Amino acid sequence: MKTEQLMIGRIPAVLYGDPADSVYLFLHGQMGCKEEAGAFARTACPRGFQVLSIDLPGHGARQERAEELTPWSAVPDIRQAAGWALDRWQSLSLRANSIGAYFAGLSIPDPAKALLVSPVLDMEHLIRSMMQWAGVTEELLQEQGEIHTSFGQTLSWRYLCWVREHPVSRWDCPIHILYANRDNMTSRATVEAYARRSHAQLTVVDGEHWFHTPEQLASLQNWEERVT
């Protein structure tokens, strides 16, 4: 499969596949990288698509930069990459993991199609849940600004305020969601409510938020082959 490493401004990117009229923009999740798109490209490219994937701030080839994975840093990059793609392809679809799906909802008004794996669909609810896990009140977070938790996440008052002030887009395109029944980042009630509102096709499989076992990866591949 043809693979090209490139830069979109300051954003490291990789493009998979032979020239085509349509492209998928692939957005990884936390601790991910642009090369994760390679597995999806093996499904999408034979179906007449190319796949464009970028490293989000602080990830992949950007790990040595003084960057953090925040919405105010990721959203401008995703908008730049989407605009770059729309100048070159007739149709832009989305394939996003976890927090990448949340960032996409802030960045892309209406893709041709959206394929979301373990998506973060209600960031404010997730932050408030993490606050409960850490025993942190809203008043304490506002007072301290940032609080580091025992489970590795940093709670941020600025982040919470930003989320409240910037709602995600409501998409009218076909949306397909792959959700694991033991996902501890997005509740079953949240994903089902989102699917009803957006008329999304929801597929629930056994697994966790991060698809990584052979069985989970097989479920992911089967789903991608069905919905791409």
C-alpha atoms as a PDB file:
ATOM      1  CA  MET A   1       0.000   0.000   0.000  1.00  0.00           C
ATOM      2  CA  LYS A   2       1.323   3.416  -0.948  1.00  0.00           C
ATOM      3  CA  THR A   3       2.336   5.443   2.126  1.00  0.00           C
ATOM      4  CA  GLU A   4       3.556   9.064   2.184  1.00  0.00           C
ATOM      5  CA  GLN A   5       4.895  10.952   5.181  1.00  0.00           C
ATOM      6  CA  LEU A   6       4.160  14.680   4.951  1.00  0.00           C
ATOM      7  CA  MET A   7       3.705  17.902   6.916  1.00  0.00           C
ATOM      8  CA  ILE A   8       0.557  20.014   7.007  1.00  0.00           C
ATOM      9  CA  GLY A   9       2.111  23.215   8.249  1.00  0.00           C
ATOM     10  CA  ARG A  10       3.700  22.103  11.545  1.00  0.00           C
ATOM     11  CA  ILE A  11       1.535  18.970  11.792  1.00  0.00           C
ATOM     12  CA  PRO A  12       3.181  15.603  11.004  1.00  0.00           C
ATOM     13  CA  ALA A  13       0.876  13.507   8.844  1.00  0.00           C
ATOM     14  CA  VAL A  14       0.806  10.273   6.889  1.00  0.00           C
ATOM     15  CA  LEU A  15      -1.254   9.543   3.783  1.00  0.00           C
ATOM     16  CA  TYR A  16      -2.212   6.006   2.794  1.00  0.00           C
ATOM     17  CA  GLY A  17      -3.458   4.687  -0.535  1.00  0.00           C
ATOM     18  CA  ASP A  18      -3.465   5.443  -4.239  1.00  0.00           C
ATOM     19  CA  PRO A  19      -5.093   8.654  -5.529  1.00  0.00           C
ATOM     20  CA  ALA A  20      -8.845   8.704  -4.955  1.00  0.00           C
ATOM     21  CA  ASP A  21     -11.734  11.175  -4.851  1.00  0.00           C
ATOM     22  CA  SER A  22     -12.547  10.539  -1.182  1.00  0.00           C
ATOM     23  CA  VAL A  23     -10.482  10.551   1.997  1.00  0.00           C
ATOM     24  CA  TYR A  24     -10.879   9.544   5.619  1.00  0.00           C
ATOM     25  CA  LEU A  25      -9.285  11.774   8.242  1.00  0.00           C
ATOM     26  CA  PHE A  26      -8.063   9.487  11.041  1.00  0.00           C
ATOM     27  CA  LEU A  27      -7.748  10.927  14.558  1.00  0.00           C
ATOM     28  CA  HIS A  28      -6.069   8.834  17.249  1.00  0.00           C
ATOM     29  CA  GLY A  29      -6.828   8.965  20.966  1.00  0.00           C
ATOM     30  CA  GLN A  30      -4.726   9.719  24.025  1.00  0.00           C
ATOM     31  CA  MET A  31      -1.313   7.984  23.905  1.00  0.00           C
ATOM     32  CA  GLY A  32      -1.857   7.207  20.222  1.00  0.00           C
ATOM     33  CA  CYS A  33      -0.116   8.268  17.012  1.00  0.00           C
ATOM     34  CA  LYS A  34      -0.838   8.827  13.332  1.00  0.00           C
ATOM     35  CA  GLU A  35       0.533   5.415  12.332  1.00  0.00           C
ATOM     36  CA  GLU A  36      -2.402   3.715  14.050  1.00  0.00           C
ATOM     37  CA  ALA A  37      -4.336   4.529  10.875  1.00  0.00           C
ATOM     38  CA  GLY A  38      -2.415   1.880   8.958  1.00  0.00           C
ATOM     39  CA  ALA A  39      -4.717  -0.934  10.039  1.00  0.00           C
ATOM     40  CA  PHE A  40      -7.815   1.036   9.030  1.00  0.00           C
ATOM     41  CA  ALA A  41      -6.208   1.994   5.727  1.00  0.00           C
ATOM     42  CA  ARG A  42      -5.885  -1.667   4.804  1.00  0.00           C
ATOM     43  CA  THR A  43      -9.688  -1.802   4.892  1.00  0.00           C
ATOM     44  CA  ALA A  44     -10.540   1.646   3.523  1.00  0.00           C
ATOM     45  CA  CYS A  45      -8.081   2.022   0.656  1.00  0.00           C
ATOM     46  CA  PRO A  46      -9.256  -1.034  -1.360  1.00  0.00           C
ATOM     47  CA  ARG A  47     -12.762   0.467  -1.112  1.00  0.00           C
ATOM     48  CA  GLY A  48     -11.759   3.589  -3.012  1.00  0.00           C
ATOM     49  CA  PHE A  49     -10.593   5.876  -0.210  1.00  0.00           C
ATOM     50  CA  GLN A  50      -7.333   7.354   0.905  1.00  0.00           C
ATOM     51  CA  VAL A  51      -6.603   7.756   4.611  1.00  0.00           C
ATOM     52  CA  LEU A  52      -4.977  10.871   6.056  1.00  0.00           C
ATOM     53  CA  SER A  53      -3.786  10.668   9.659  1.00  0.00           C
ATOM     54  CA  ILE A  54      -2.165  13.326  11.843  1.00  0.00           C
ATOM     55  CA  ASP A  55      -0.271  13.396  15.121  1.00  0.00           C
ATOM     56  CA  LEU A  56      -2.253  15.360  17.680  1.00  0.00           C
ATOM     57  CA  PRO A  57      -0.384  17.766  20.025  1.00  0.00           C
ATOM     58  CA  GLY A  58       2.165  16.054  22.261  1.00  0.00           C
ATOM     59  CA  HIS A  59       1.831  12.705  20.486  1.00  0.00           C
ATOM     60  CA  GLY A  60       3.727  10.701  17.890  1.00  0.00           C
ATOM     61  CA  ALA A  61       6.400  12.805  16.215  1.00  0.00           C
ATOM     62  CA  ARG A  62       5.333  15.761  18.383  1.00  0.00           C
ATOM     63  CA  GLN A  63       6.310  14.223  21.728  1.00  0.00           C
ATOM     64  CA  GLU A  64       9.471  16.312  22.013  1.00  0.00           C
ATOM     65  CA  ARG A  65       7.578  19.565  21.616  1.00  0.00           C
ATOM     66  CA  ALA A  66       6.258  21.493  24.591  1.00  0.00           C
ATOM     67  CA  GLU A  67       2.637  20.687  23.745  1.00  0.00           C
ATOM     68  CA  GLU A  68      -0.352  19.328  25.649  1.00  0.00           C
ATOM     69  CA  LEU A  69      -3.360  17.454  24.307  1.00  0.00           C
ATOM     70  CA  THR A  70      -6.019  20.058  25.045  1.00  0.00           C
ATOM     71  CA  PRO A  71      -9.005  21.074  22.933  1.00  0.00           C
ATOM     72  CA  TRP A  72      -7.686  24.597  22.427  1.00  0.00           C
ATOM     73  CA  SER A  73      -4.467  23.161  20.944  1.00  0.00           C
ATOM     74  CA  ALA A  74      -5.957  20.190  19.058  1.00  0.00           C
ATOM     75  CA  VAL A  75      -8.967  21.886  17.465  1.00  0.00           C
ATOM     76  CA  PRO A  76      -6.969  24.388  15.335  1.00  0.00           C
ATOM     77  CA  ASP A  77      -4.756  21.547  14.074  1.00  0.00           C
ATOM     78  CA  ILE A  78      -7.713  19.371  13.121  1.00  0.00           C
ATOM     79  CA  ARG A  79      -9.391  22.280  11.354  1.00  0.00           C
ATOM     80  CA  GLN A  80      -6.193  22.944   9.443  1.00  0.00           C
ATOM     81  CA  ALA A  81      -5.864  19.295   8.421  1.00  0.00           C
ATOM     82  CA  ALA A  82      -9.544  19.072   7.414  1.00  0.00           C
ATOM     83  CA  GLY A  83      -9.268  22.255   5.355  1.00  0.00           C
ATOM     84  CA  TRP A  84      -6.109  20.956   3.697  1.00  0.00           C
ATOM     85  CA  ALA A  85      -7.945  17.731   2.840  1.00  0.00           C
ATOM     86  CA  LEU A  86     -11.044  19.466   1.474  1.00  0.00           C
ATOM     87  CA  ASP A  87      -8.818  21.412  -0.926  1.00  0.00           C
ATOM     88  CA  ARG A  88      -7.587  18.098  -2.362  1.00  0.00           C
ATOM     89  CA  TRP A  89     -10.471  15.613  -2.136  1.00  0.00           C
ATOM     90  CA  GLN A  90     -14.119  15.796  -3.113  1.00  0.00           C
ATOM     91  CA  SER A  91     -15.327  14.106   0.063  1.00  0.00           C
ATOM     92  CA  LEU A  92     -14.028  14.019   3.647  1.00  0.00           C
ATOM     93  CA  SER A  93     -15.103  11.302   6.075  1.00  0.00           C
ATOM     94  CA  LEU A  94     -13.941  10.724   9.630  1.00  0.00           C
ATOM     95  CA  ARG A  95     -12.494   7.786  11.535  1.00  0.00           C
ATOM     96  CA  ALA A  96     -11.768   8.738  15.149  1.00  0.00           C
ATOM     97  CA  ASN A  97     -10.848   7.061  18.433  1.00  0.00           C
ATOM     98  CA  SER A  98     -11.799   8.114  21.962  1.00  0.00           C
ATOM     99  CA  ILE A  99     -10.936  11.756  22.664  1.00  0.00           C
ATOM    100  CA  GLY A 100     -10.174  12.180  18.960  1.00  0.00           C
ATOM    101  CA  ALA A 101     -13.916  11.843  18.361  1.00  0.00           C
ATOM    102  CA  TYR A 102     -14.598  14.609  20.891  1.00  0.00           C
ATOM    103  CA  PHE A 103     -12.055  16.898  19.218  1.00  0.00           C
ATOM    104  CA  ALA A 104     -13.601  16.112  15.823  1.00  0.00           C
ATOM    105  CA  GLY A 105     -17.000  17.229  17.094  1.00  0.00           C
ATOM    106  CA  LEU A 106     -15.455  20.582  17.929  1.00  0.00           C
ATOM    107  CA  SER A 107     -13.547  20.901  14.647  1.00  0.00           C
ATOM    108  CA  ILE A 108     -15.430  19.390  11.701  1.00  0.00           C
ATOM    109  CA  PRO A 109     -18.917  20.791  10.947  1.00  0.00           C
ATOM    110  CA  ASP A 110     -20.318  17.804   9.033  1.00  0.00           C
ATOM    111  CA  PRO A 111     -18.186  15.010   7.539  1.00  0.00           C
ATOM    112  CA  ALA A 112     -19.554  12.784   4.809  1.00  0.00           C
ATOM    113  CA  LYS A 113     -19.526   9.864   7.264  1.00  0.00           C
ATOM    114  CA  ALA A 114     -18.223   9.370  10.799  1.00  0.00           C
ATOM    115  CA  LEU A 115     -16.832   6.110  12.191  1.00  0.00           C
ATOM    116  CA  LEU A 116     -16.261   6.456  15.939  1.00  0.00           C
ATOM    117  CA  VAL A 117     -14.521   3.898  18.157  1.00  0.00           C
ATOM    118  CA  SER A 118     -14.917   4.219  21.949  1.00  0.00           C
ATOM    119  CA  PRO A 119     -15.859   7.877  21.457  1.00  0.00           C
ATOM    120  CA  VAL A 120     -15.857  10.437  24.245  1.00  0.00           C
ATOM    121  CA  LEU A 121     -19.312  11.905  23.679  1.00  0.00           C
ATOM    122  CA  ASP A 122     -19.898  13.994  26.812  1.00  0.00           C
ATOM    123  CA  MET A 123     -16.642  15.520  28.014  1.00  0.00           C
ATOM    124  CA  GLU A 124     -18.186  17.509  30.846  1.00  0.00           C
ATOM    125  CA  HIS A 125     -19.785  14.364  32.257  1.00  0.00           C
ATOM    126  CA  LEU A 126     -16.451  12.524  31.984  1.00  0.00           C
ATOM    127  CA  ILE A 127     -14.589  15.300  33.809  1.00  0.00           C
ATOM    128  CA  ARG A 128     -17.194  15.409  36.566  1.00  0.00           C
ATOM    129  CA  SER A 129     -16.958  11.621  36.892  1.00  0.00           C
ATOM    130  CA  MET A 130     -13.165  11.841  37.273  1.00  0.00           C
ATOM    131  CA  MET A 131     -13.654  14.532  39.887  1.00  0.00           C
ATOM    132  CA  GLN A 132     -15.872  12.137  41.830  1.00  0.00           C
ATOM    133  CA  TRP A 133     -13.305   9.339  41.514  1.00  0.00           C
ATOM    134  CA  ALA A 134     -10.644  11.683  42.907  1.00  0.00           C
ATOM    135  CA  GLY A 135     -12.894  13.194  45.591  1.00  0.00           C
ATOM    136  CA  VAL A 136     -12.480  16.679  44.118  1.00  0.00           C
ATOM    137  CA  THR A 137     -15.225  19.279  44.369  1.00  0.00           C
ATOM    138  CA  GLU A 138     -15.819  21.976  41.794  1.00  0.00           C
ATOM    139  CA  GLU A 139     -14.936  24.613  44.389  1.00  0.00           C
ATOM    140  CA  LEU A 140     -11.600  22.938  45.143  1.00  0.00           C
ATOM    141  CA  LEU A 141     -10.747  22.606  41.450  1.00  0.00           C
ATOM    142  CA  GLN A 142     -11.559  26.272  40.855  1.00  0.00           C
ATOM    143  CA  GLU A 143      -9.383  27.251  43.799  1.00  0.00           C
ATOM    144  CA  GLN A 144      -6.355  25.143  42.844  1.00  0.00           C
ATOM    145  CA  GLY A 145      -6.638  25.358  39.050  1.00  0.00           C
ATOM    146  CA  GLU A 146      -5.119  21.917  38.444  1.00  0.00           C
ATOM    147  CA  ILE A 147      -5.184  18.733  40.523  1.00  0.00           C
ATOM    148  CA  HIS A 148      -3.175  15.606  39.699  1.00  0.00           C
ATOM    149  CA  THR A 149      -5.026  12.359  40.360  1.00  0.00           C
ATOM    150  CA  SER A 150      -3.862   8.915  41.448  1.00  0.00           C
ATOM    151  CA  PHE A 151      -5.176   7.422  38.167  1.00  0.00           C
ATOM    152  CA  GLY A 152      -2.886   9.540  35.990  1.00  0.00           C
ATOM    153  CA  GLN A 153      -5.217  12.276  34.766  1.00  0.00           C
ATOM    154  CA  THR A 154      -4.836  15.953  35.622  1.00  0.00           C
ATOM    155  CA  LEU A 155      -8.067  17.750  36.451  1.00  0.00           C
ATOM    156  CA  SER A 156      -8.112  21.323  35.162  1.00  0.00           C
ATOM    157  CA  TRP A 157     -10.514  24.146  35.942  1.00  0.00           C
ATOM    158  CA  ARG A 158      -9.598  25.836  32.646  1.00  0.00           C
ATOM    159  CA  TYR A 159     -10.383  22.629  30.768  1.00  0.00           C
ATOM    160  CA  LEU A 160     -13.774  22.226  32.443  1.00  0.00           C
ATOM    161  CA  CYS A 161     -14.711  25.851  31.713  1.00  0.00           C
ATOM    162  CA  TRP A 162     -13.569  25.510  28.089  1.00  0.00           C
ATOM    163  CA  VAL A 163     -15.704  22.406  27.599  1.00  0.00           C
ATOM    164  CA  ARG A 164     -18.767  24.164  28.953  1.00  0.00           C
ATOM    165  CA  GLU A 165     -18.220  27.162  26.687  1.00  0.00           C
ATOM    166  CA  HIS A 166     -17.636  25.180  23.456  1.00  0.00           C
ATOM    167  CA  PRO A 167     -20.390  22.703  22.522  1.00  0.00           C
ATOM    168  CA  VAL A 168     -19.708  20.067  19.883  1.00  0.00           C
ATOM    169  CA  SER A 169     -21.280  20.142  16.431  1.00  0.00           C
ATOM    170  CA  ARG A 170     -24.491  18.254  15.688  1.00  0.00           C
ATOM    171  CA  TRP A 171     -23.785  16.094  12.649  1.00  0.00           C
ATOM    172  CA  ASP A 172     -26.411  15.103  10.087  1.00  0.00           C
ATOM    173  CA  CYS A 173     -24.162  12.597   8.333  1.00  0.00           C
ATOM    174  CA  PRO A 174     -24.280   8.800   8.747  1.00  0.00           C
ATOM    175  CA  ILE A 175     -22.597   7.935  12.054  1.00  0.00           C
ATOM    176  CA  HIS A 176     -21.391   4.493  13.125  1.00  0.00           C
ATOM    177  CA  ILE A 177     -20.197   3.841  16.679  1.00  0.00           C
ATOM    178  CA  LEU A 178     -18.264   0.857  18.017  1.00  0.00           C
ATOM    179  CA  TYR A 179     -18.624   0.683  21.793  1.00  0.00           C
ATOM    180  CA  ALA A 180     -17.250  -1.803  24.315  1.00  0.00           C
ATOM    181  CA  ASN A 181     -19.552  -2.949  27.091  1.00  0.00           C
ATOM    182  CA  ARG A 182     -16.896  -2.355  29.783  1.00  0.00           C
ATOM    183  CA  ASP A 183     -15.902   1.139  28.656  1.00  0.00           C
ATOM    184  CA  ASN A 184     -15.183   3.173  31.810  1.00  0.00           C
ATOM    185  CA  MET A 185     -14.838   6.508  29.987  1.00  0.00           C
ATOM    186  CA  THR A 186     -18.275   6.749  28.363  1.00  0.00           C
ATOM    187  CA  SER A 187     -21.309   5.146  29.974  1.00  0.00           C
ATOM    188  CA  ARG A 188     -23.726   2.908  28.122  1.00  0.00           C
ATOM    189  CA  ALA A 189     -26.521   5.405  28.855  1.00  0.00           C
ATOM    190  CA  THR A 190     -24.475   8.245  27.323  1.00  0.00           C
ATOM    191  CA  VAL A 191     -23.650   6.400  24.115  1.00  0.00           C
ATOM    192  CA  GLU A 192     -27.224   5.143  23.686  1.00  0.00           C
ATOM    193  CA  ALA A 193     -28.641   8.646  24.211  1.00  0.00           C
ATOM    194  CA  TYR A 194     -26.205  10.050  21.657  1.00  0.00           C
ATOM    195  CA  ALA A 195     -27.094   7.322  19.170  1.00  0.00           C
ATOM    196  CA  ARG A 196     -30.796   8.140  19.504  1.00  0.00           C
ATOM    197  CA  ARG A 197     -30.253  11.889  19.048  1.00  0.00           C
ATOM    198  CA  SER A 198     -27.958  11.527  16.056  1.00  0.00           C
ATOM    199  CA  HIS A 199     -29.612   8.429  14.512  1.00  0.00           C
ATOM    200  CA  ALA A 200     -26.255   6.698  14.753  1.00  0.00           C
ATOM    201  CA  GLN A 201     -25.794   2.978  14.193  1.00  0.00           C
ATOM    202  CA  LEU A 202     -24.459   1.610  17.499  1.00  0.00           C
ATOM    203  CA  THR A 203     -22.550  -1.663  17.713  1.00  0.00           C
ATOM    204  CA  VAL A 204     -21.770  -3.004  21.199  1.00  0.00           C
ATOM    205  CA  VAL A 205     -19.088  -5.658  21.672  1.00  0.00           C
ATOM    206  CA  ASP A 206     -17.339  -7.216  24.643  1.00  0.00           C
ATOM    207  CA  GLY A 207     -14.294  -5.249  25.669  1.00  0.00           C
ATOM    208  CA  GLU A 208     -12.857  -2.147  27.287  1.00  0.00           C
ATOM    209  CA  HIS A 209     -12.318   1.447  26.210  1.00  0.00           C
ATOM    210  CA  TRP A 210      -9.005   0.538  24.576  1.00  0.00           C
ATOM    211  CA  PHE A 211      -9.343  -2.205  21.948  1.00  0.00           C
ATOM    212  CA  HIS A 212      -6.113  -4.188  22.274  1.00  0.00           C
ATOM    213  CA  THR A 213      -6.665  -7.953  22.721  1.00  0.00           C
ATOM    214  CA  PRO A 214      -6.750 -10.222  19.646  1.00  0.00           C
ATOM    215  CA  GLU A 215     -10.494 -10.730  20.135  1.00  0.00           C
ATOM    216  CA  GLN A 216     -11.167  -7.010  20.482  1.00  0.00           C
ATOM    217  CA  LEU A 217      -9.030  -6.151  17.464  1.00  0.00           C
ATOM    218  CA  ALA A 218     -10.892  -8.784  15.439  1.00  0.00           C
ATOM    219  CA  SER A 219     -14.197  -7.169  16.455  1.00  0.00           C
ATOM    220  CA  LEU A 220     -12.817  -3.794  15.393  1.00  0.00           C
ATOM    221  CA  GLN A 221     -11.685  -5.087  12.015  1.00  0.00           C
ATOM    222  CA  ASN A 222     -15.000  -6.832  11.353  1.00  0.00           C
ATOM    223  CA  TRP A 223     -16.873  -3.641  12.208  1.00  0.00           C
ATOM    224  CA  GLU A 224     -14.650  -1.514   9.957  1.00  0.00           C
ATOM    225  CA  GLU A 225     -15.150  -3.907   7.061  1.00  0.00           C
ATOM    226  CA  ARG A 226     -18.900  -3.646   7.526  1.00  0.00           C
ATOM    227  CA  VAL A 227     -19.315   0.133   7.894  1.00  0.00           C
ATOM    228  CA  THR A 228     -16.489   1.715   5.845  1.00  0.00           C
END
